[in-house]
Amino acid sequence: MTQIVVLASGNVGKLKEFQHMLTSCDLDVRPQSEFKVAEAEEIGLSFVENAIIKARNACDHTGLPAIADDSGLAVDALKGAPGIYSARFSQGWQGREASDQHNNNYLLEQLADISDAERTARYHCILVYMRSAADPTPLICQGSLEGRILRQPVGDNGFGYDPLFYLPKYQCSCAQLDKAEKNRISHRAIAMQKLLQALTH
């Protein structure tokens, strides 16, 4: 029997990626908005803490198992920033709200004097699967993707920092990968493969 699982995210880009990656398993993944679950306040200080907070919130409101992720970009020259603040990195910069484009512009400004060799970065994704809000042993899986930050955006696919995130192995930015390829190699895909293995063993 297919198990309904709540995806604890309101991020449209993430929802599309998850739904595409989970079509092969016996889970009926539904966005938390379908259950009128409000976004959890991300008060954790790590990707793991925030993912657990979000999953527990979705379980608590629906009574169903939940999958949550917390992911972001860690730039070595910025001591791991933007990190858990990736989605709201540019909040207040130039008196504006954070957005993908604004975050990218702010990141470029922060790295303006940093050489190409020192622009190393990685995407991190933590995925948490909670069977219930009181689950004492949630499944926690991690994926990461190594790259470096370009000096200007390249490519039209993807979202977030993808146009600035260069993959030396593929000689293109994440935003130049087609959806199938990105869903195969991304930090989220790596974490998802680990989660699917954990759920089926």
N, C-alpha and C. Protein backbone atom coordinates (compact mmCIF):
# COMPACT_ATOMS: atom_id res chain seq x y z
N MET A 1 0.84 -1.19 0.00
CA MET A 1 0.00 0.00 0.00
C MET A 1 0.88 1.25 0.00
N THR A 2 0.51 2.20 -0.81
CA THR A 2 1.28 3.44 -0.92
C THR A 2 1.12 4.27 0.35
N GLN A 3 2.24 4.73 0.88
CA GLN A 3 2.25 5.54 2.10
C GLN A 3 2.26 7.02 1.73
N ILE A 4 1.32 7.77 2.28
CA ILE A 4 1.34 9.22 2.09
C ILE A 4 2.40 9.80 3.02
N VAL A 5 3.25 10.64 2.45
CA VAL A 5 4.31 11.31 3.21
C VAL A 5 4.22 12.79 2.91
N VAL A 6 4.32 13.59 3.95
CA VAL A 6 4.24 15.05 3.79
C VAL A 6 5.63 15.61 3.53
N LEU A 7 5.75 16.43 2.51
CA LEU A 7 7.00 17.12 2.25
C LEU A 7 6.94 18.46 2.95
N ALA A 8 7.79 18.63 3.95
CA ALA A 8 7.76 19.83 4.80
C ALA A 8 8.55 20.95 4.16
N SER A 9 8.00 21.49 3.08
CA SER A 9 8.65 22.62 2.40
C SER A 9 7.61 23.41 1.64
N GLY A 10 7.85 24.71 1.56
CA GLY A 10 7.01 25.56 0.73
C GLY A 10 7.78 26.07 -0.47
N ASN A 11 9.03 25.63 -0.61
CA ASN A 11 9.90 26.08 -1.70
C ASN A 11 9.52 25.34 -2.98
N VAL A 12 9.02 26.09 -3.97
CA VAL A 12 8.50 25.50 -5.20
C VAL A 12 9.59 24.73 -5.95
N GLY A 13 10.79 25.29 -6.01
CA GLY A 13 11.89 24.61 -6.69
C GLY A 13 12.21 23.27 -6.06
N LYS A 14 12.26 23.25 -4.73
CA LYS A 14 12.53 22.00 -4.02
C LYS A 14 11.41 20.99 -4.24
N LEU A 15 10.16 21.47 -4.18
CA LEU A 15 9.02 20.57 -4.38
C LEU A 15 9.12 19.86 -5.72
N LYS A 16 9.43 20.60 -6.77
CA LYS A 16 9.54 20.00 -8.10
C LYS A 16 10.64 18.95 -8.13
N GLU A 17 11.79 19.28 -7.55
CA GLU A 17 12.90 18.32 -7.52
C GLU A 17 12.53 17.05 -6.76
N PHE A 18 11.91 17.21 -5.59
CA PHE A 18 11.55 16.05 -4.79
C PHE A 18 10.52 15.18 -5.50
N GLN A 19 9.49 15.81 -6.05
CA GLN A 19 8.44 15.03 -6.71
C GLN A 19 9.02 14.25 -7.88
N HIS A 20 9.95 14.85 -8.61
CA HIS A 20 10.59 14.16 -9.73
C HIS A 20 11.43 12.98 -9.23
N MET A 21 12.20 13.20 -8.16
CA MET A 21 13.10 12.16 -7.67
C MET A 21 12.36 11.02 -6.97
N LEU A 22 11.17 11.29 -6.45
CA LEU A 22 10.46 10.27 -5.67
C LEU A 22 9.40 9.52 -6.47
N THR A 23 9.32 9.77 -7.78
CA THR A 23 8.30 9.09 -8.58
C THR A 23 8.52 7.58 -8.62
N SER A 24 9.76 7.14 -8.42
CA SER A 24 10.07 5.71 -8.56
C SER A 24 9.78 4.89 -7.30
N CYS A 25 9.54 5.53 -6.17
CA CYS A 25 9.32 4.76 -4.95
C CYS A 25 7.84 4.71 -4.59
N ASP A 26 7.51 3.89 -3.62
CA ASP A 26 6.11 3.67 -3.26
C ASP A 26 5.64 4.66 -2.19
N LEU A 27 6.03 5.91 -2.36
CA LEU A 27 5.60 6.97 -1.44
C LEU A 27 4.79 7.99 -2.22
N ASP A 28 3.66 8.35 -1.67
CA ASP A 28 2.82 9.40 -2.27
C ASP A 28 3.17 10.70 -1.54
N VAL A 29 4.07 11.47 -2.12
CA VAL A 29 4.58 12.68 -1.46
C VAL A 29 3.66 13.85 -1.76
N ARG A 30 3.17 14.46 -0.69
CA ARG A 30 2.27 15.61 -0.82
C ARG A 30 2.90 16.81 -0.13
N PRO A 31 2.78 17.99 -0.73
CA PRO A 31 3.32 19.19 -0.07
C PRO A 31 2.52 19.53 1.19
N GLN A 32 3.19 20.10 2.17
CA GLN A 32 2.51 20.42 3.43
C GLN A 32 1.40 21.44 3.23
N SER A 33 1.48 22.24 2.17
CA SER A 33 0.43 23.23 1.90
C SER A 33 -0.92 22.55 1.65
N GLU A 34 -0.89 21.33 1.15
CA GLU A 34 -2.12 20.57 0.90
C GLU A 34 -2.86 20.29 2.21
N PHE A 35 -2.12 20.29 3.31
CA PHE A 35 -2.70 20.02 4.63
C PHE A 35 -2.80 21.29 5.46
N LYS A 36 -2.57 22.42 4.81
CA LYS A 36 -2.61 23.74 5.46
C LYS A 36 -1.66 23.82 6.66
N VAL A 37 -0.49 23.22 6.50
CA VAL A 37 0.54 23.28 7.55
C VAL A 37 1.35 24.55 7.36
N ALA A 38 1.43 25.35 8.40
CA ALA A 38 2.23 26.59 8.34
C ALA A 38 3.71 26.25 8.35
N GLU A 39 4.50 27.12 7.74
CA GLU A 39 5.96 26.93 7.75
C GLU A 39 6.47 26.95 9.19
N ALA A 40 7.37 26.04 9.50
CA ALA A 40 8.00 26.03 10.83
C ALA A 40 9.03 27.15 10.91
N GLU A 41 9.19 27.69 12.10
CA GLU A 41 10.23 28.70 12.30
C GLU A 41 11.58 28.00 12.42
N GLU A 42 12.49 28.33 11.52
CA GLU A 42 13.80 27.67 11.50
C GLU A 42 14.73 28.35 12.51
N ILE A 43 14.70 27.83 13.74
CA ILE A 43 15.48 28.44 14.81
C ILE A 43 16.73 27.63 15.15
N GLY A 44 16.97 26.55 14.39
CA GLY A 44 18.17 25.75 14.62
C GLY A 44 19.41 26.47 14.15
N LEU A 45 20.56 25.98 14.59
CA LEU A 45 21.84 26.58 14.20
C LEU A 45 22.62 25.68 13.24
N SER A 46 21.95 24.63 12.75
CA SER A 46 22.58 23.74 11.77
C SER A 46 21.52 23.24 10.80
N PHE A 47 21.97 22.71 9.67
CA PHE A 47 21.04 22.13 8.70
C PHE A 47 20.25 20.98 9.34
N VAL A 48 20.92 20.16 10.16
CA VAL A 48 20.26 19.02 10.80
C VAL A 48 19.13 19.49 11.72
N GLU A 49 19.44 20.46 12.58
CA GLU A 49 18.42 20.95 13.51
C GLU A 49 17.21 21.51 12.77
N ASN A 50 17.45 22.30 11.74
CA ASN A 50 16.34 22.91 11.01
C ASN A 50 15.50 21.88 10.28
N ALA A 51 16.14 20.86 9.70
CA ALA A 51 15.38 19.81 9.01
C ALA A 51 14.49 19.05 9.99
N ILE A 52 15.02 18.76 11.18
CA ILE A 52 14.22 18.06 12.20
C ILE A 52 13.04 18.93 12.64
N ILE A 53 13.29 20.20 12.86
CA ILE A 53 12.21 21.13 13.26
C ILE A 53 11.09 21.12 12.22
N LYS A 54 11.46 21.18 10.94
CA LYS A 54 10.45 21.23 9.87
C LYS A 54 9.69 19.91 9.74
N ALA A 55 10.41 18.79 9.83
CA ALA A 55 9.74 17.49 9.73
C ALA A 55 8.80 17.26 10.90
N ARG A 56 9.26 17.60 12.11
CA ARG A 56 8.42 17.41 13.29
C ARG A 56 7.16 18.27 13.20
N ASN A 57 7.30 19.49 12.72
CA ASN A 57 6.15 20.38 12.55
C ASN A 57 5.11 19.77 11.61
N ALA A 58 5.57 19.22 10.48
CA ALA A 58 4.65 18.61 9.51
C ALA A 58 3.98 17.37 10.09
N CYS A 59 4.74 16.52 10.79
CA CYS A 59 4.17 15.33 11.44
C CYS A 59 3.13 15.72 12.48
N ASP A 60 3.48 16.71 13.27
CA ASP A 60 2.62 17.16 14.37
C ASP A 60 1.26 17.63 13.85
N HIS A 61 1.27 18.36 12.73
CA HIS A 61 0.03 18.93 12.20
C HIS A 61 -0.79 17.96 11.35
N THR A 62 -0.15 16.91 10.82
CA THR A 62 -0.87 16.01 9.91
C THR A 62 -1.07 14.61 10.46
N GLY A 63 -0.25 14.21 11.43
CA GLY A 63 -0.31 12.84 11.92
C GLY A 63 0.30 11.84 10.94
N LEU A 64 0.97 12.34 9.91
CA LEU A 64 1.58 11.50 8.88
C LEU A 64 3.10 11.57 8.96
N PRO A 65 3.79 10.60 8.38
CA PRO A 65 5.25 10.72 8.28
C PRO A 65 5.60 11.93 7.43
N ALA A 66 6.80 12.46 7.64
CA ALA A 66 7.21 13.66 6.89
C ALA A 66 8.67 13.57 6.48
N ILE A 67 8.94 14.18 5.34
CA ILE A 67 10.31 14.37 4.87
C ILE A 67 10.57 15.86 4.88
N ALA A 68 11.71 16.25 5.42
CA ALA A 68 12.10 17.66 5.38
C ALA A 68 13.56 17.74 4.98
N ASP A 69 13.89 18.82 4.33
CA ASP A 69 15.30 19.03 4.04
C ASP A 69 15.69 20.41 4.52
N ASP A 70 16.94 20.54 4.84
CA ASP A 70 17.50 21.87 5.00
C ASP A 70 18.79 21.83 4.20
N SER A 71 18.93 22.80 3.37
CA SER A 71 20.08 22.78 2.48
C SER A 71 20.56 24.19 2.26
N GLY A 72 21.76 24.28 1.75
CA GLY A 72 22.29 25.61 1.49
C GLY A 72 23.69 25.53 0.92
N LEU A 73 24.23 26.70 0.74
CA LEU A 73 25.54 26.88 0.14
C LEU A 73 26.55 27.26 1.21
N ALA A 74 27.71 26.62 1.19
CA ALA A 74 28.80 26.98 2.10
C ALA A 74 30.00 27.39 1.27
N VAL A 75 30.41 28.64 1.42
CA VAL A 75 31.54 29.18 0.65
C VAL A 75 32.75 29.27 1.58
N ASP A 76 33.84 28.63 1.18
CA ASP A 76 35.02 28.56 2.05
C ASP A 76 35.56 29.94 2.41
N ALA A 77 35.63 30.84 1.44
CA ALA A 77 36.18 32.18 1.68
C ALA A 77 35.32 33.00 2.64
N LEU A 78 34.06 32.58 2.82
CA LEU A 78 33.15 33.27 3.75
C LEU A 78 32.94 32.45 5.02
N LYS A 79 33.90 31.54 5.30
CA LYS A 79 33.86 30.71 6.52
C LYS A 79 32.57 29.90 6.63
N GLY A 80 32.09 29.41 5.48
CA GLY A 80 30.90 28.57 5.48
C GLY A 80 29.60 29.30 5.24
N ALA A 81 29.63 30.63 5.19
CA ALA A 81 28.42 31.38 4.88
C ALA A 81 28.11 31.20 3.39
N PRO A 82 26.86 31.40 2.99
CA PRO A 82 25.69 31.75 3.79
C PRO A 82 25.12 30.63 4.65
N GLY A 83 25.49 29.37 4.41
CA GLY A 83 25.08 28.28 5.29
C GLY A 83 23.59 28.18 5.50
N ILE A 84 23.18 28.10 6.78
CA ILE A 84 21.74 27.95 7.08
C ILE A 84 20.94 29.18 6.70
N TYR A 85 21.63 30.27 6.41
CA TYR A 85 20.94 31.51 6.02
C TYR A 85 20.90 31.69 4.50
N SER A 86 21.15 30.63 3.73
CA SER A 86 21.26 30.73 2.28
C SER A 86 20.05 31.39 1.63
N ALA A 87 18.84 31.03 2.06
CA ALA A 87 17.63 31.58 1.43
C ALA A 87 17.41 33.05 1.75
N ARG A 88 17.94 33.50 2.88
CA ARG A 88 17.72 34.89 3.29
C ARG A 88 19.04 35.64 3.46
N PHE A 89 20.06 35.22 2.72
CA PHE A 89 21.42 35.76 2.83
C PHE A 89 21.46 37.27 2.64
N SER A 90 20.71 37.78 1.68
CA SER A 90 20.78 39.21 1.34
C SER A 90 19.70 40.04 2.04
N GLN A 91 18.98 39.44 2.99
CA GLN A 91 17.90 40.15 3.68
C GLN A 91 18.39 41.49 4.23
N GLY A 92 17.75 42.57 3.82
CA GLY A 92 18.12 43.89 4.32
C GLY A 92 19.22 44.58 3.53
N TRP A 93 19.95 43.83 2.69
CA TRP A 93 21.01 44.45 1.88
C TRP A 93 20.37 45.37 0.86
N GLN A 94 20.85 46.59 0.78
CA GLN A 94 20.28 47.63 -0.09
C GLN A 94 18.81 47.89 0.24
N GLY A 95 18.42 47.58 1.49
CA GLY A 95 17.06 47.85 1.95
C GLY A 95 16.00 46.99 1.29
N ARG A 96 16.39 45.80 0.80
CA ARG A 96 15.43 44.96 0.08
C ARG A 96 15.26 43.59 0.73
N GLU A 97 14.16 42.94 0.34
CA GLU A 97 13.91 41.57 0.78
C GLU A 97 14.85 40.62 0.04
N ALA A 98 15.12 39.48 0.63
CA ALA A 98 15.95 38.48 -0.03
C ALA A 98 15.19 37.82 -1.18
N SER A 99 15.88 37.54 -2.26
CA SER A 99 15.35 36.78 -3.40
C SER A 99 16.53 36.06 -4.02
N ASP A 100 16.27 35.12 -4.90
CA ASP A 100 17.38 34.39 -5.54
C ASP A 100 18.36 35.35 -6.20
N GLN A 101 17.83 36.27 -7.00
CA GLN A 101 18.70 37.19 -7.73
C GLN A 101 19.46 38.12 -6.77
N HIS A 102 18.77 38.61 -5.76
CA HIS A 102 19.39 39.51 -4.78
C HIS A 102 20.48 38.77 -3.99
N ASN A 103 20.18 37.52 -3.60
CA ASN A 103 21.18 36.70 -2.90
C ASN A 103 22.43 36.51 -3.76
N ASN A 104 22.21 36.23 -5.05
CA ASN A 104 23.34 36.03 -5.96
C ASN A 104 24.17 37.30 -6.10
N ASN A 105 23.51 38.43 -6.23
CA ASN A 105 24.23 39.70 -6.35
C ASN A 105 25.03 40.01 -5.08
N TYR A 106 24.43 39.72 -3.94
CA TYR A 106 25.11 39.96 -2.66
C TYR A 106 26.32 39.04 -2.52
N LEU A 107 26.17 37.79 -2.92
CA LEU A 107 27.29 36.85 -2.86
C LEU A 107 28.43 37.32 -3.75
N LEU A 108 28.10 37.79 -4.95
CA LEU A 108 29.14 38.29 -5.86
C LEU A 108 29.87 39.48 -5.25
N GLU A 109 29.12 40.35 -4.57
CA GLU A 109 29.77 41.51 -3.93
C GLU A 109 30.70 41.05 -2.80
N GLN A 110 30.24 40.07 -2.01
CA GLN A 110 31.05 39.56 -0.90
C GLN A 110 32.36 38.93 -1.39
N LEU A 111 32.33 38.38 -2.60
CA LEU A 111 33.49 37.67 -3.14
C LEU A 111 34.26 38.48 -4.18
N ALA A 112 33.95 39.75 -4.30
CA ALA A 112 34.53 40.58 -5.37
C ALA A 112 36.06 40.54 -5.39
N ASP A 113 36.70 40.52 -4.24
CA ASP A 113 38.17 40.56 -4.18
C ASP A 113 38.80 39.18 -3.98
N ILE A 114 38.01 38.14 -4.12
CA ILE A 114 38.50 36.78 -3.90
C ILE A 114 38.90 36.15 -5.23
N SER A 115 40.10 35.56 -5.26
CA SER A 115 40.60 34.96 -6.51
C SER A 115 39.78 33.73 -6.89
N ASP A 116 39.85 33.35 -8.16
CA ASP A 116 39.11 32.18 -8.64
C ASP A 116 39.48 30.93 -7.85
N ALA A 117 40.74 30.77 -7.54
CA ALA A 117 41.21 29.57 -6.82
C ALA A 117 40.63 29.48 -5.40
N GLU A 118 40.28 30.63 -4.84
CA GLU A 118 39.77 30.66 -3.45
C GLU A 118 38.24 30.74 -3.39
N ARG A 119 37.57 30.55 -4.52
CA ARG A 119 36.11 30.66 -4.55
C ARG A 119 35.44 29.29 -4.43
N THR A 120 36.12 28.35 -3.77
CA THR A 120 35.57 27.01 -3.60
C THR A 120 34.35 27.04 -2.68
N ALA A 121 33.41 26.15 -2.98
CA ALA A 121 32.15 26.12 -2.24
C ALA A 121 31.52 24.75 -2.38
N ARG A 122 30.52 24.51 -1.58
CA ARG A 122 29.76 23.27 -1.74
C ARG A 122 28.32 23.49 -1.34
N TYR A 123 27.46 22.78 -2.02
CA TYR A 123 26.06 22.69 -1.63
C TYR A 123 25.94 21.54 -0.63
N HIS A 124 25.19 21.77 0.43
CA HIS A 124 24.89 20.72 1.42
C HIS A 124 23.39 20.49 1.45
N CYS A 125 23.00 19.25 1.66
CA CYS A 125 21.59 18.93 1.88
C CYS A 125 21.49 17.91 3.01
N ILE A 126 20.67 18.21 3.97
CA ILE A 126 20.32 17.25 5.02
C ILE A 126 18.85 16.89 4.81
N LEU A 127 18.58 15.60 4.70
CA LEU A 127 17.21 15.11 4.58
C LEU A 127 16.85 14.35 5.85
N VAL A 128 15.68 14.64 6.36
CA VAL A 128 15.19 13.96 7.57
C VAL A 128 13.85 13.31 7.26
N TYR A 129 13.72 12.05 7.65
CA TYR A 129 12.44 11.34 7.55
C TYR A 129 11.99 11.02 8.96
N MET A 130 10.81 11.53 9.33
CA MET A 130 10.26 11.25 10.66
C MET A 130 8.98 10.47 10.50
N ARG A 131 8.88 9.36 11.23
CA ARG A 131 7.70 8.51 11.16
C ARG A 131 6.52 9.14 11.90
N SER A 132 6.84 9.93 12.93
CA SER A 132 5.82 10.63 13.72
C SER A 132 6.51 11.80 14.40
N ALA A 133 5.72 12.69 14.99
CA ALA A 133 6.30 13.86 15.66
C ALA A 133 7.17 13.46 16.85
N ALA A 134 6.89 12.28 17.44
CA ALA A 134 7.65 11.82 18.60
C ALA A 134 8.75 10.82 18.23
N ASP A 135 9.03 10.67 16.95
CA ASP A 135 10.04 9.71 16.48
C ASP A 135 11.38 9.99 17.16
N PRO A 136 11.88 9.05 18.00
CA PRO A 136 13.15 9.29 18.70
C PRO A 136 14.38 9.05 17.83
N THR A 137 14.18 8.35 16.70
CA THR A 137 15.32 8.04 15.82
C THR A 137 14.98 8.38 14.36
N PRO A 138 14.84 9.66 14.04
CA PRO A 138 14.55 10.01 12.65
C PRO A 138 15.71 9.60 11.75
N LEU A 139 15.39 9.27 10.51
CA LEU A 139 16.44 8.98 9.53
C LEU A 139 17.04 10.31 9.08
N ILE A 140 18.37 10.42 9.12
CA ILE A 140 19.06 11.65 8.73
C ILE A 140 20.10 11.29 7.67
N CYS A 141 19.96 11.88 6.50
CA CYS A 141 20.87 11.59 5.39
C CYS A 141 21.46 12.89 4.86
N GLN A 142 22.73 12.82 4.46
CA GLN A 142 23.43 14.02 4.00
C GLN A 142 24.00 13.82 2.61
N GLY A 143 23.92 14.88 1.81
CA GLY A 143 24.56 14.88 0.50
C GLY A 143 25.27 16.21 0.29
N SER A 144 26.35 16.20 -0.47
CA SER A 144 27.03 17.46 -0.77
C SER A 144 27.54 17.43 -2.21
N LEU A 145 27.75 18.60 -2.76
CA LEU A 145 28.21 18.77 -4.14
C LEU A 145 29.26 19.86 -4.16
N GLU A 146 30.45 19.51 -4.64
CA GLU A 146 31.59 20.44 -4.65
C GLU A 146 31.59 21.29 -5.92
N GLY A 147 31.99 22.55 -5.76
CA GLY A 147 32.11 23.43 -6.91
C GLY A 147 32.84 24.70 -6.54
N ARG A 148 32.66 25.72 -7.35
CA ARG A 148 33.21 27.04 -7.01
C ARG A 148 32.28 28.11 -7.55
N ILE A 149 32.43 29.31 -7.02
CA ILE A 149 31.53 30.41 -7.36
C ILE A 149 32.08 31.20 -8.54
N LEU A 150 31.25 31.33 -9.57
CA LEU A 150 31.61 32.10 -10.76
C LEU A 150 31.58 33.59 -10.46
N ARG A 151 32.04 34.39 -11.41
CA ARG A 151 32.03 35.85 -11.25
C ARG A 151 30.78 36.48 -11.83
N GLN A 152 30.01 35.71 -12.57
CA GLN A 152 28.72 36.19 -13.08
C GLN A 152 27.82 34.98 -13.31
N PRO A 153 26.50 35.18 -13.26
CA PRO A 153 25.59 34.05 -13.44
C PRO A 153 25.63 33.50 -14.86
N VAL A 154 25.50 32.17 -14.97
CA VAL A 154 25.48 31.50 -16.27
C VAL A 154 24.41 30.41 -16.24
N GLY A 155 23.53 30.40 -17.24
CA GLY A 155 22.51 29.35 -17.35
C GLY A 155 21.14 29.78 -16.87
N ASP A 156 20.12 29.11 -17.37
CA ASP A 156 18.73 29.48 -17.08
C ASP A 156 17.95 28.42 -16.32
N ASN A 157 18.55 27.27 -16.08
CA ASN A 157 17.84 26.21 -15.35
C ASN A 157 18.11 26.34 -13.85
N GLY A 158 17.40 25.54 -13.07
CA GLY A 158 17.65 25.53 -11.64
C GLY A 158 17.09 26.74 -10.92
N PHE A 159 17.56 26.93 -9.70
CA PHE A 159 17.08 28.03 -8.85
C PHE A 159 18.15 28.33 -7.82
N GLY A 160 17.90 29.32 -6.98
CA GLY A 160 18.86 29.66 -5.93
C GLY A 160 20.19 30.12 -6.51
N TYR A 161 21.26 29.53 -6.00
CA TYR A 161 22.62 29.92 -6.40
C TYR A 161 23.12 29.15 -7.63
N ASP A 162 22.25 28.34 -8.23
CA ASP A 162 22.67 27.49 -9.35
C ASP A 162 23.41 28.23 -10.48
N PRO A 163 22.98 29.45 -10.88
CA PRO A 163 23.70 30.13 -11.97
C PRO A 163 25.13 30.53 -11.62
N LEU A 164 25.46 30.58 -10.33
CA LEU A 164 26.81 30.96 -9.89
C LEU A 164 27.66 29.76 -9.49
N PHE A 165 27.04 28.59 -9.37
CA PHE A 165 27.73 27.42 -8.83
C PHE A 165 28.30 26.59 -9.98
N TYR A 166 29.63 26.70 -10.15
CA TYR A 166 30.32 26.04 -11.26
C TYR A 166 30.80 24.65 -10.84
N LEU A 167 30.56 23.68 -11.72
CA LEU A 167 30.97 22.30 -11.48
C LEU A 167 32.15 21.96 -12.38
N PRO A 168 33.37 21.97 -11.85
CA PRO A 168 34.55 21.70 -12.69
C PRO A 168 34.46 20.38 -13.45
N LYS A 169 33.91 19.36 -12.81
CA LYS A 169 33.80 18.04 -13.45
C LYS A 169 32.95 18.08 -14.72
N TYR A 170 31.94 18.95 -14.72
CA TYR A 170 31.02 19.03 -15.87
C TYR A 170 31.29 20.25 -16.74
N GLN A 171 32.18 21.12 -16.28
CA GLN A 171 32.56 22.35 -16.99
C GLN A 171 31.34 23.20 -17.34
N CYS A 172 30.45 23.34 -16.37
CA CYS A 172 29.28 24.20 -16.53
C CYS A 172 28.74 24.55 -15.15
N SER A 173 27.81 25.49 -15.12
CA SER A 173 27.16 25.82 -13.85
C SER A 173 26.00 24.85 -13.62
N CYS A 174 25.52 24.81 -12.39
CA CYS A 174 24.35 23.98 -12.09
C CYS A 174 23.15 24.40 -12.93
N ALA A 175 23.08 25.69 -13.24
CA ALA A 175 21.95 26.21 -14.02
C ALA A 175 22.05 25.86 -15.50
N GLN A 176 23.16 25.25 -15.92
CA GLN A 176 23.30 24.80 -17.31
C GLN A 176 23.01 23.31 -17.46
N LEU A 177 22.87 22.61 -16.35
CA LEU A 177 22.54 21.18 -16.40
C LEU A 177 21.07 21.02 -16.76
N ASP A 178 20.74 19.96 -17.50
CA ASP A 178 19.31 19.71 -17.70
C ASP A 178 18.77 19.07 -16.42
N LYS A 179 17.45 19.08 -16.30
CA LYS A 179 16.81 18.66 -15.05
C LYS A 179 17.19 17.23 -14.67
N ALA A 180 17.20 16.33 -15.66
CA ALA A 180 17.51 14.92 -15.38
C ALA A 180 18.92 14.76 -14.83
N GLU A 181 19.87 15.49 -15.42
CA GLU A 181 21.26 15.39 -14.96
C GLU A 181 21.42 15.99 -13.56
N LYS A 182 20.79 17.15 -13.34
CA LYS A 182 20.88 17.77 -12.01
C LYS A 182 20.26 16.86 -10.95
N ASN A 183 19.12 16.24 -11.29
CA ASN A 183 18.46 15.36 -10.33
C ASN A 183 19.27 14.09 -10.07
N ARG A 184 20.24 13.81 -10.92
CA ARG A 184 21.09 12.63 -10.73
C ARG A 184 22.30 12.94 -9.85
N ILE A 185 22.86 14.16 -9.96
CA ILE A 185 24.14 14.45 -9.29
C ILE A 185 24.05 15.44 -8.13
N SER A 186 22.90 16.09 -7.95
CA SER A 186 22.82 17.17 -6.96
C SER A 186 22.99 16.67 -5.53
N HIS A 187 23.32 17.60 -4.65
CA HIS A 187 23.42 17.31 -3.21
C HIS A 187 22.12 16.71 -2.69
N ARG A 188 20.99 17.21 -3.21
CA ARG A 188 19.68 16.72 -2.79
C ARG A 188 19.47 15.29 -3.30
N ALA A 189 19.90 15.03 -4.53
CA ALA A 189 19.77 13.68 -5.10
C ALA A 189 20.61 12.67 -4.32
N ILE A 190 21.82 13.08 -3.93
CA ILE A 190 22.71 12.19 -3.17
C ILE A 190 22.07 11.85 -1.82
N ALA A 191 21.55 12.88 -1.13
CA ALA A 191 20.88 12.65 0.16
C ALA A 191 19.63 11.79 -0.04
N MET A 192 18.90 12.04 -1.13
CA MET A 192 17.67 11.29 -1.40
C MET A 192 17.98 9.81 -1.66
N GLN A 193 19.04 9.52 -2.41
CA GLN A 193 19.42 8.12 -2.66
C GLN A 193 19.73 7.41 -1.35
N LYS A 194 20.42 8.10 -0.46
CA LYS A 194 20.74 7.52 0.85
C LYS A 194 19.45 7.26 1.65
N LEU A 195 18.52 8.22 1.57
CA LEU A 195 17.26 8.06 2.30
C LEU A 195 16.45 6.90 1.74
N LEU A 196 16.36 6.80 0.43
CA LEU A 196 15.60 5.72 -0.19
C LEU A 196 16.20 4.36 0.17
N GLN A 197 17.52 4.29 0.20
CA GLN A 197 18.18 3.04 0.62
C GLN A 197 17.83 2.71 2.07
N ALA A 198 17.84 3.73 2.92
CA ALA A 198 17.52 3.51 4.34
C ALA A 198 16.07 3.07 4.52
N LEU A 199 15.17 3.63 3.72
CA LEU A 199 13.75 3.30 3.84
C LEU A 199 13.42 1.91 3.32
N THR A 200 14.23 1.40 2.41
CA THR A 200 13.93 0.10 1.80
C THR A 200 14.76 -1.04 2.38
N HIS A 201 15.55 -0.76 3.41
CA HIS A 201 16.37 -1.82 4.03
C HIS A 201 16.04 -1.98 5.50
